[in-house]
């Protein structure tokens, strides 16, 4: 893999070359590297830390044994809550906030690289969220779930819609029709069982129906 595309913002060529060589074997199918940001500490570094971005995740690359080996830690888009960066005297801090666990902070990222890294990550997060929403909508359509707010399903029943019980011959067994309140409660319970409404919404609507009796 050519490294020229990752040297546009004065990244250290030796570090980039080593990181790309290691990451090539770690990339999954249809995964490609998009950007690499490299630390530039005030002191001399044998091999600085860096952050590599692909279309599926963020890699944190930390050299060990004086740069002979390197540790890699990755975090996927679904595990990221948000990212930010803070400009300081010597470069910027790039901050990744995961859905769970402590924040991941990388210091001494050159300001230009930090801005571009932040922009690239935001674009990938937005693309992931859009794709996730699209998959959820397609799942709703394929399973026949309603495309509206579940709580809106329970409508007030007009008195004219309530039919009088039908008198059947004694020889026939006729189930007594449900009253209005029972019908509403049954519909509400069905929504809750299908996880279309949460416990709080279920209890609130149930209390409202019972109060109207």
C-alpha atoms as a PDB file:
ATOM      1  CA  UNK A   1       0.000   0.000   0.000  1.00  0.00           C
ATOM      2  CA  UNK A   2       1.357   3.439  -0.962  1.00  0.00           C
ATOM      3  CA  UNK A   3       1.842   5.817   1.959  1.00  0.00           C
ATOM      4  CA  UNK A   4       1.911   9.123   0.036  1.00  0.00           C
ATOM      5  CA  UNK A   5      -1.804   9.711   0.694  1.00  0.00           C
ATOM      6  CA  UNK A   6      -1.087   9.698   4.459  1.00  0.00           C
ATOM      7  CA  UNK A   7       1.738  12.266   4.291  1.00  0.00           C
ATOM      8  CA  UNK A   8      -0.300  15.294   3.240  1.00  0.00           C
ATOM      9  CA  UNK A   9      -0.067  17.073   6.625  1.00  0.00           C
ATOM     10  CA  UNK A  10       3.594  16.596   7.527  1.00  0.00           C
ATOM     11  CA  UNK A  11       3.143  13.183   9.152  1.00  0.00           C
ATOM     12  CA  UNK A  12       6.377  11.392  10.025  1.00  0.00           C
ATOM     13  CA  UNK A  13       7.100   9.117   7.009  1.00  0.00           C
ATOM     14  CA  UNK A  14       8.893   6.402   9.008  1.00  0.00           C
ATOM     15  CA  UNK A  15       6.040   6.114  11.493  1.00  0.00           C
ATOM     16  CA  UNK A  16       3.396   6.074   8.778  1.00  0.00           C
ATOM     17  CA  UNK A  17       5.275   3.449   6.776  1.00  0.00           C
ATOM     18  CA  UNK A  18       5.577   1.179   9.812  1.00  0.00           C
ATOM     19  CA  UNK A  19       1.947   1.647  10.872  1.00  0.00           C
ATOM     20  CA  UNK A  20       0.580   1.019   7.373  1.00  0.00           C
ATOM     21  CA  UNK A  21       2.676  -2.118   7.087  1.00  0.00           C
ATOM     22  CA  UNK A  22       1.286  -3.465  10.372  1.00  0.00           C
ATOM     23  CA  UNK A  23      -2.329  -2.444   9.766  1.00  0.00           C
ATOM     24  CA  UNK A  24      -2.531  -3.941   6.295  1.00  0.00           C
ATOM     25  CA  UNK A  25      -2.722  -7.396   7.858  1.00  0.00           C
ATOM     26  CA  UNK A  26      -5.383  -6.272  10.360  1.00  0.00           C
ATOM     27  CA  UNK A  27      -7.869  -4.775   7.938  1.00  0.00           C
ATOM     28  CA  UNK A  28     -11.007  -6.795   7.297  1.00  0.00           C
ATOM     29  CA  UNK A  29     -12.831  -7.322   4.012  1.00  0.00           C
ATOM     30  CA  UNK A  30     -13.903  -4.040   2.345  1.00  0.00           C
ATOM     31  CA  UNK A  31     -11.986  -2.031   4.956  1.00  0.00           C
ATOM     32  CA  UNK A  32      -9.565   0.699   3.922  1.00  0.00           C
ATOM     33  CA  UNK A  33      -7.403   3.250   5.704  1.00  0.00           C
ATOM     34  CA  UNK A  34      -8.571   6.845   5.328  1.00  0.00           C
ATOM     35  CA  UNK A  35      -6.279   8.996   7.475  1.00  0.00           C
ATOM     36  CA  UNK A  36      -3.355   8.756   9.880  1.00  0.00           C
ATOM     37  CA  UNK A  37      -2.453  11.348  12.518  1.00  0.00           C
ATOM     38  CA  UNK A  38       0.980  11.166  14.163  1.00  0.00           C
ATOM     39  CA  UNK A  39       2.083  12.655  17.490  1.00  0.00           C
ATOM     40  CA  UNK A  40       4.705  15.388  17.485  1.00  0.00           C
ATOM     41  CA  UNK A  41       5.934  15.700  21.046  1.00  0.00           C
ATOM     42  CA  UNK A  42       8.239  18.512  22.187  1.00  0.00           C
ATOM     43  CA  UNK A  43      10.918  15.932  23.073  1.00  0.00           C
ATOM     44  CA  UNK A  44      12.606  13.577  20.632  1.00  0.00           C
ATOM     45  CA  UNK A  45      10.654  10.354  20.009  1.00  0.00           C
ATOM     46  CA  UNK A  46      12.044   7.131  18.633  1.00  0.00           C
ATOM     47  CA  UNK A  47       8.566   6.234  17.421  1.00  0.00           C
ATOM     48  CA  UNK A  48       5.567   8.436  18.299  1.00  0.00           C
ATOM     49  CA  UNK A  49       2.021   7.235  18.952  1.00  0.00           C
ATOM     50  CA  UNK A  50      -0.480   7.663  16.156  1.00  0.00           C
ATOM     51  CA  UNK A  51      -4.178   7.313  15.352  1.00  0.00           C
ATOM     52  CA  UNK A  52      -5.264   5.567  12.166  1.00  0.00           C
ATOM     53  CA  UNK A  53      -8.764   5.869  10.773  1.00  0.00           C
ATOM     54  CA  UNK A  54     -10.482   3.338   8.517  1.00  0.00           C
ATOM     55  CA  UNK A  55     -14.016   3.238   7.146  1.00  0.00           C
ATOM     56  CA  UNK A  56     -14.991   0.821   9.949  1.00  0.00           C
ATOM     57  CA  UNK A  57     -13.055   1.843  13.079  1.00  0.00           C
ATOM     58  CA  UNK A  58     -10.306   3.850  14.783  1.00  0.00           C
ATOM     59  CA  UNK A  59      -6.919   2.281  15.505  1.00  0.00           C
ATOM     60  CA  UNK A  60      -4.718   3.512  18.350  1.00  0.00           C
ATOM     61  CA  UNK A  61      -1.100   2.594  17.647  1.00  0.00           C
ATOM     62  CA  UNK A  62       1.422   2.647  20.502  1.00  0.00           C
ATOM     63  CA  UNK A  63       5.086   1.715  19.946  1.00  0.00           C
ATOM     64  CA  UNK A  64       6.819  -0.539  22.486  1.00  0.00           C
ATOM     65  CA  UNK A  65      10.367  -1.813  23.019  1.00  0.00           C
ATOM     66  CA  UNK A  66      11.844   1.417  21.665  1.00  0.00           C
ATOM     67  CA  UNK A  67       9.798   1.209  18.497  1.00  0.00           C
ATOM     68  CA  UNK A  68      10.683  -2.378  17.669  1.00  0.00           C
ATOM     69  CA  UNK A  69       7.130  -3.597  18.271  1.00  0.00           C
ATOM     70  CA  UNK A  70       3.758  -1.877  18.408  1.00  0.00           C
ATOM     71  CA  UNK A  71       0.498  -2.323  20.314  1.00  0.00           C
ATOM     72  CA  UNK A  72      -2.806  -1.798  18.514  1.00  0.00           C
ATOM     73  CA  UNK A  73      -6.169  -1.036  20.084  1.00  0.00           C
ATOM     74  CA  UNK A  74      -9.253  -0.437  17.960  1.00  0.00           C
ATOM     75  CA  UNK A  75     -12.763   0.862  18.585  1.00  0.00           C
ATOM     76  CA  UNK A  76     -15.656   0.450  16.140  1.00  0.00           C
ATOM     77  CA  UNK A  77     -18.213   3.107  15.209  1.00  0.00           C
ATOM     78  CA  UNK A  78     -21.020   1.431  17.166  1.00  0.00           C
ATOM     79  CA  UNK A  79     -18.869   1.663  20.311  1.00  0.00           C
ATOM     80  CA  UNK A  80     -18.194   5.408  19.967  1.00  0.00           C
ATOM     81  CA  UNK A  81     -20.467   7.976  21.602  1.00  0.00           C
ATOM     82  CA  UNK A  82     -18.659  11.090  20.344  1.00  0.00           C
ATOM     83  CA  UNK A  83     -15.250  12.588  19.582  1.00  0.00           C
ATOM     84  CA  UNK A  84     -13.697  16.006  20.151  1.00  0.00           C
ATOM     85  CA  UNK A  85     -10.343  17.766  20.090  1.00  0.00           C
ATOM     86  CA  UNK A  86      -8.787  20.570  22.110  1.00  0.00           C
ATOM     87  CA  UNK A  87      -6.045  22.807  20.775  1.00  0.00           C
ATOM     88  CA  UNK A  88      -3.174  23.474  23.189  1.00  0.00           C
ATOM     89  CA  UNK A  89       0.253  25.061  23.101  1.00  0.00           C
ATOM     90  CA  UNK A  90       1.971  21.953  21.755  1.00  0.00           C
ATOM     91  CA  UNK A  91      -0.552  20.526  19.325  1.00  0.00           C
ATOM     92  CA  UNK A  92      -4.008  19.198  20.190  1.00  0.00           C
ATOM     93  CA  UNK A  93      -5.655  16.580  22.346  1.00  0.00           C
ATOM     94  CA  UNK A  94      -7.896  14.180  20.439  1.00  0.00           C
ATOM     95  CA  UNK A  95     -10.597  12.762  22.687  1.00  0.00           C
ATOM     96  CA  UNK A  96     -12.738   9.710  21.930  1.00  0.00           C
ATOM     97  CA  UNK A  97     -15.724   9.091  24.221  1.00  0.00           C
ATOM     98  CA  UNK A  98     -16.830   5.430  24.056  1.00  0.00           C
ATOM     99  CA  UNK A  99     -20.318   4.169  24.830  1.00  0.00           C
ATOM    100  CA  UNK A 100     -18.811   2.434  27.860  1.00  0.00           C
ATOM    101  CA  UNK A 101     -15.546   2.878  29.726  1.00  0.00           C
ATOM    102  CA  UNK A 102     -13.114   5.742  30.085  1.00  0.00           C
ATOM    103  CA  UNK A 103     -12.319   8.392  27.483  1.00  0.00           C
ATOM    104  CA  UNK A 104      -9.364   7.731  25.192  1.00  0.00           C
ATOM    105  CA  UNK A 105      -7.110  10.797  25.029  1.00  0.00           C
ATOM    106  CA  UNK A 106      -4.153  11.220  22.665  1.00  0.00           C
ATOM    107  CA  UNK A 107      -1.964  14.301  23.116  1.00  0.00           C
ATOM    108  CA  UNK A 108       0.480  16.214  20.924  1.00  0.00           C
ATOM    109  CA  UNK A 109      -1.415  15.677  17.684  1.00  0.00           C
ATOM    110  CA  UNK A 110      -0.476  18.518  15.291  1.00  0.00           C
ATOM    111  CA  UNK A 111      -3.383  20.960  15.066  1.00  0.00           C
ATOM    112  CA  UNK A 112      -3.965  20.518  11.336  1.00  0.00           C
ATOM    113  CA  UNK A 113      -3.954  16.732  11.668  1.00  0.00           C
ATOM    114  CA  UNK A 114      -6.303  16.892  14.677  1.00  0.00           C
ATOM    115  CA  UNK A 115      -8.823  18.990  12.733  1.00  0.00           C
ATOM    116  CA  UNK A 116      -8.761  16.681   9.718  1.00  0.00           C
ATOM    117  CA  UNK A 117      -8.935  13.586  11.925  1.00  0.00           C
ATOM    118  CA  UNK A 118     -11.934  15.008  13.762  1.00  0.00           C
ATOM    119  CA  UNK A 119     -13.687  15.905  10.498  1.00  0.00           C
ATOM    120  CA  UNK A 120     -13.020  12.455   9.008  1.00  0.00           C
ATOM    121  CA  UNK A 121     -14.280  10.661  12.125  1.00  0.00           C
ATOM    122  CA  UNK A 122     -17.452  12.771  12.205  1.00  0.00           C
ATOM    123  CA  UNK A 123     -18.154  11.917   8.567  1.00  0.00           C
ATOM    124  CA  UNK A 124     -17.753   8.192   9.259  1.00  0.00           C
ATOM    125  CA  UNK A 125     -19.942   8.376  12.389  1.00  0.00           C
ATOM    126  CA  UNK A 126     -22.673  10.184  10.446  1.00  0.00           C
ATOM    127  CA  UNK A 127     -22.482   7.619   7.651  1.00  0.00           C
ATOM    128  CA  UNK A 128     -22.714   4.780  10.179  1.00  0.00           C
ATOM    129  CA  UNK A 129     -25.755   6.317  11.896  1.00  0.00           C
ATOM    130  CA  UNK A 130     -27.526   6.868   8.564  1.00  0.00           C
ATOM    131  CA  UNK A 131     -26.871   3.272   7.525  1.00  0.00           C
ATOM    132  CA  UNK A 132     -28.092   2.029  10.913  1.00  0.00           C
ATOM    133  CA  UNK A 133     -31.308   4.057  10.603  1.00  0.00           C
ATOM    134  CA  UNK A 134     -31.815   2.722   7.083  1.00  0.00           C
ATOM    135  CA  UNK A 135     -31.428  -0.875   8.272  1.00  0.00           C
ATOM    136  CA  UNK A 136     -33.915  -0.282  11.101  1.00  0.00           C
ATOM    137  CA  UNK A 137     -36.486   1.172   8.691  1.00  0.00           C
ATOM    138  CA  UNK A 138     -36.063  -1.775   6.321  1.00  0.00           C
ATOM    139  CA  UNK A 139     -36.443  -4.167   9.256  1.00  0.00           C
ATOM    140  CA  UNK A 140     -39.694  -2.479  10.293  1.00  0.00           C
ATOM    141  CA  UNK A 141     -41.058  -2.787   6.773  1.00  0.00           C
ATOM    142  CA  UNK A 142     -40.060  -6.433   6.423  1.00  0.00           C
ATOM    143  CA  UNK A 143     -41.580  -7.391   9.774  1.00  0.00           C
ATOM    144  CA  UNK A 144     -44.753  -5.388   9.228  1.00  0.00           C
ATOM    145  CA  UNK A 145     -44.266  -3.173  12.258  1.00  0.00           C
ATOM    146  CA  UNK A 146     -46.104   0.179  12.187  1.00  0.00           C
ATOM    147  CA  UNK A 147     -44.267   3.214  10.831  1.00  0.00           C
ATOM    148  CA  UNK A 148     -45.594   5.631  13.444  1.00  0.00           C
ATOM    149  CA  UNK A 149     -45.221   6.285  17.126  1.00  0.00           C
ATOM    150  CA  UNK A 150     -46.620   3.232  18.943  1.00  0.00           C
ATOM    151  CA  UNK A 151     -48.352   5.299  21.618  1.00  0.00           C
ATOM    152  CA  UNK A 152     -50.488   6.908  18.901  1.00  0.00           C
ATOM    153  CA  UNK A 153     -52.086   3.558  18.074  1.00  0.00           C
ATOM    154  CA  UNK A 154     -54.422   3.759  21.062  1.00  0.00           C
ATOM    155  CA  UNK A 155     -57.189   6.062  19.903  1.00  0.00           C
ATOM    156  CA  UNK A 156     -60.313   7.164  21.667  1.00  0.00           C
ATOM    157  CA  UNK A 157     -63.276   4.996  20.638  1.00  0.00           C
ATOM    158  CA  UNK A 158     -66.366   6.850  19.488  1.00  0.00           C
ATOM    159  CA  UNK A 159     -69.502   5.809  21.334  1.00  0.00           C
ATOM    160  CA  UNK A 160     -71.244   5.224  17.999  1.00  0.00           C
ATOM    161  CA  UNK A 161     -68.643   2.562  17.187  1.00  0.00           C
ATOM    162  CA  UNK A 162     -69.611   0.469  20.207  1.00  0.00           C
ATOM    163  CA  UNK A 163     -72.058  -2.157  19.002  1.00  0.00           C
ATOM    164  CA  UNK A 164     -74.778  -3.596  21.212  1.00  0.00           C
ATOM    165  CA  UNK A 165     -74.377  -7.268  22.157  1.00  0.00           C
ATOM    166  CA  UNK A 166     -75.924  -9.704  19.705  1.00  0.00           C
ATOM    167  CA  UNK A 167     -78.521 -12.014  21.218  1.00  0.00           C
ATOM    168  CA  UNK A 168     -77.846 -15.547  20.002  1.00  0.00           C
ATOM    169  CA  UNK A 169     -79.925 -18.705  20.339  1.00  0.00           C
ATOM    170  CA  UNK A 170     -79.454 -20.562  23.606  1.00  0.00           C
ATOM    171  CA  UNK A 171     -77.941 -23.496  21.724  1.00  0.00           C
ATOM    172  CA  UNK A 172     -75.000 -21.340  20.554  1.00  0.00           C
ATOM    173  CA  UNK A 173     -72.092 -20.263  22.722  1.00  0.00           C
ATOM    174  CA  UNK A 174     -71.414 -16.562  22.210  1.00  0.00           C
ATOM    175  CA  UNK A 175     -68.461 -14.770  23.762  1.00  0.00           C
ATOM    176  CA  UNK A 176     -69.362 -11.518  25.427  1.00  0.00           C
ATOM    177  CA  UNK A 177     -67.787  -8.608  23.499  1.00  0.00           C
ATOM    178  CA  UNK A 178     -65.040  -6.679  25.279  1.00  0.00           C
ATOM    179  CA  UNK A 179     -65.913  -3.277  26.655  1.00  0.00           C
ATOM    180  CA  UNK A 180     -64.051  -0.166  25.573  1.00  0.00           C
ATOM    181  CA  UNK A 181     -61.649  -0.072  28.521  1.00  0.00           C
ATOM    182  CA  UNK A 182     -60.694  -3.744  28.231  1.00  0.00           C
ATOM    183  CA  UNK A 183     -60.035  -3.365  24.517  1.00  0.00           C
ATOM    184  CA  UNK A 184     -57.742  -0.386  25.096  1.00  0.00           C
ATOM    185  CA  UNK A 185     -55.824  -2.168  27.844  1.00  0.00           C
ATOM    186  CA  UNK A 186     -55.382  -5.258  25.681  1.00  0.00           C
ATOM    187  CA  UNK A 187     -54.018  -3.162  22.793  1.00  0.00           C
ATOM    188  CA  UNK A 188     -51.666  -1.361  25.163  1.00  0.00           C
ATOM    189  CA  UNK A 189     -50.353  -4.659  26.576  1.00  0.00           C
ATOM    190  CA  UNK A 190     -49.743  -5.960  23.042  1.00  0.00           C
ATOM    191  CA  UNK A 191     -47.616  -2.907  22.249  1.00  0.00           C
ATOM    192  CA  UNK A 192     -45.618  -3.387  25.424  1.00  0.00           C
ATOM    193  CA  UNK A 193     -45.081  -7.119  24.796  1.00  0.00           C
ATOM    194  CA  UNK A 194     -43.742  -6.312  21.325  1.00  0.00           C
ATOM    195  CA  UNK A 195     -41.376  -3.732  22.889  1.00  0.00           C
ATOM    196  CA  UNK A 196     -42.895  -0.944  20.810  1.00  0.00           C
ATOM    197  CA  UNK A 197     -43.300   1.121  23.982  1.00  0.00           C
ATOM    198  CA  UNK A 198     -41.203   1.111  27.132  1.00  0.00           C
ATOM    199  CA  UNK A 199     -42.263   0.394  30.709  1.00  0.00           C
ATOM    200  CA  UNK A 200     -42.713   4.081  31.559  1.00  0.00           C
ATOM    201  CA  UNK A 201     -44.971   4.753  28.559  1.00  0.00           C
ATOM    202  CA  UNK A 202     -46.957   1.586  29.294  1.00  0.00           C
ATOM    203  CA  UNK A 203     -47.619   2.491  32.931  1.00  0.00           C
ATOM    204  CA  UNK A 204     -48.487   6.106  32.088  1.00  0.00           C
ATOM    205  CA  UNK A 205     -51.001   5.175  29.380  1.00  0.00           C
ATOM    206  CA  UNK A 206     -52.466   2.381  31.516  1.00  0.00           C
ATOM    207  CA  UNK A 207     -53.053   4.792  34.395  1.00  0.00           C
ATOM    208  CA  UNK A 208     -54.666   7.287  32.009  1.00  0.00           C
ATOM    209  CA  UNK A 209     -57.073   4.637  30.665  1.00  0.00           C
ATOM    210  CA  UNK A 210     -58.039   3.464  34.158  1.00  0.00           C
ATOM    211  CA  UNK A 211     -58.585   7.036  35.362  1.00  0.00           C
ATOM    212  CA  UNK A 212     -61.100   7.575  32.562  1.00  0.00           C
ATOM    213  CA  UNK A 213     -63.409   4.860  33.896  1.00  0.00           C
END
